[in-house]
Amino acid sequence: MVTVFESTRLYGQKEIAPLLGKSEAWFERARWAGTGPAFRKIGRSVRYLGADLNAWLDQQARKSTSA
């Protein structure tokens, strides 16, 4: 299992976007489409739990470019 993010910490998309090589807009589209990492909505803020980010990264592993 990948451990890039601290499991119990909440992260904002502005903080994690550059770490994952994605734009903030990508996270917004992924939330809308349901294809990105799990997130929490706290009032108007969107936060990502480190454990969810690590789990999502694990799910991105591929063995072939055709997968």
Protein backbone atom coordinates (compact mmCIF):
# COMPACT_ATOMS: atom_id res chain seq x y z
CA MET A 1 0.00 0.00 0.00
CA VAL A 2 1.21 3.47 -0.91
CA THR A 3 1.63 5.91 1.98
CA VAL A 4 2.16 9.34 0.48
CA PHE A 5 -0.31 11.23 2.63
CA GLU A 6 -0.70 11.26 6.41
CA SER A 7 -3.68 8.96 7.02
CA THR A 8 -5.62 11.04 9.55
CA ARG A 9 -5.00 14.47 8.05
CA LEU A 10 -7.51 16.35 5.89
CA TYR A 11 -6.14 17.97 2.72
CA GLY A 12 -7.57 20.62 0.41
CA GLN A 13 -7.47 20.26 -3.37
CA LYS A 14 -5.17 23.27 -3.68
CA GLU A 15 -2.59 21.44 -1.57
CA ILE A 16 -2.80 18.02 -3.22
CA ALA A 17 -3.22 19.03 -6.88
CA PRO A 18 0.47 19.84 -7.48
CA LEU A 19 1.60 16.77 -5.50
CA LEU A 20 -0.42 14.50 -7.80
CA GLY A 21 0.28 16.40 -11.01
CA LYS A 22 -3.38 17.35 -11.45
CA SER A 23 -5.14 20.68 -11.71
CA GLU A 24 -7.72 21.91 -9.23
CA ALA A 25 -10.24 21.78 -12.06
CA TRP A 26 -9.46 18.07 -12.50
CA PHE A 27 -10.51 17.43 -8.88
CA GLU A 28 -13.74 19.38 -9.42
CA ARG A 29 -14.58 17.36 -12.54
CA ALA A 30 -13.62 14.09 -10.83
CA ARG A 31 -15.96 14.86 -7.91
CA TRP A 32 -18.77 15.59 -10.34
CA ALA A 33 -18.11 12.40 -12.33
CA GLY A 34 -17.40 10.25 -9.27
CA THR A 35 -14.02 9.13 -10.64
CA GLY A 36 -11.62 10.79 -8.20
CA PRO A 37 -10.69 10.07 -4.61
CA ALA A 38 -13.35 9.99 -1.90
CA PHE A 39 -13.93 13.39 -0.32
CA ARG A 40 -15.67 15.02 2.62
CA LYS A 41 -17.86 18.09 2.40
CA ILE A 42 -17.53 20.22 5.52
CA GLY A 43 -19.85 23.16 5.11
CA ARG A 44 -18.75 24.67 1.80
CA SER A 45 -15.26 23.20 2.00
CA VAL A 46 -14.18 20.00 0.29
CA ARG A 47 -11.50 17.99 2.07
CA TYR A 48 -9.72 14.75 1.28
CA LEU A 49 -8.69 12.36 4.04
CA GLY A 50 -5.11 11.16 3.64
CA ALA A 51 -6.15 7.50 4.00
CA ASP A 52 -8.65 7.94 1.13
CA LEU A 53 -5.99 9.56 -1.06
CA ASN A 54 -3.58 6.70 -0.37
CA ALA A 55 -6.29 4.13 -1.16
CA TRP A 56 -7.17 5.93 -4.40
CA LEU A 57 -3.50 5.97 -5.41
CA ASP A 58 -3.35 2.21 -4.84
CA GLN A 59 -6.36 1.76 -7.12
CA GLN A 60 -4.55 3.60 -9.92
CA ALA A 61 -1.88 0.88 -10.26
CA ARG A 62 -1.84 -0.69 -13.73
CA LYS A 63 0.22 -3.50 -15.28
CA SER A 64 -0.52 -2.60 -18.88
CA THR A 65 -1.30 0.54 -20.86
CA SER A 66 -4.40 -1.20 -22.24
CA ALA A 67 -5.99 -1.48 -18.78
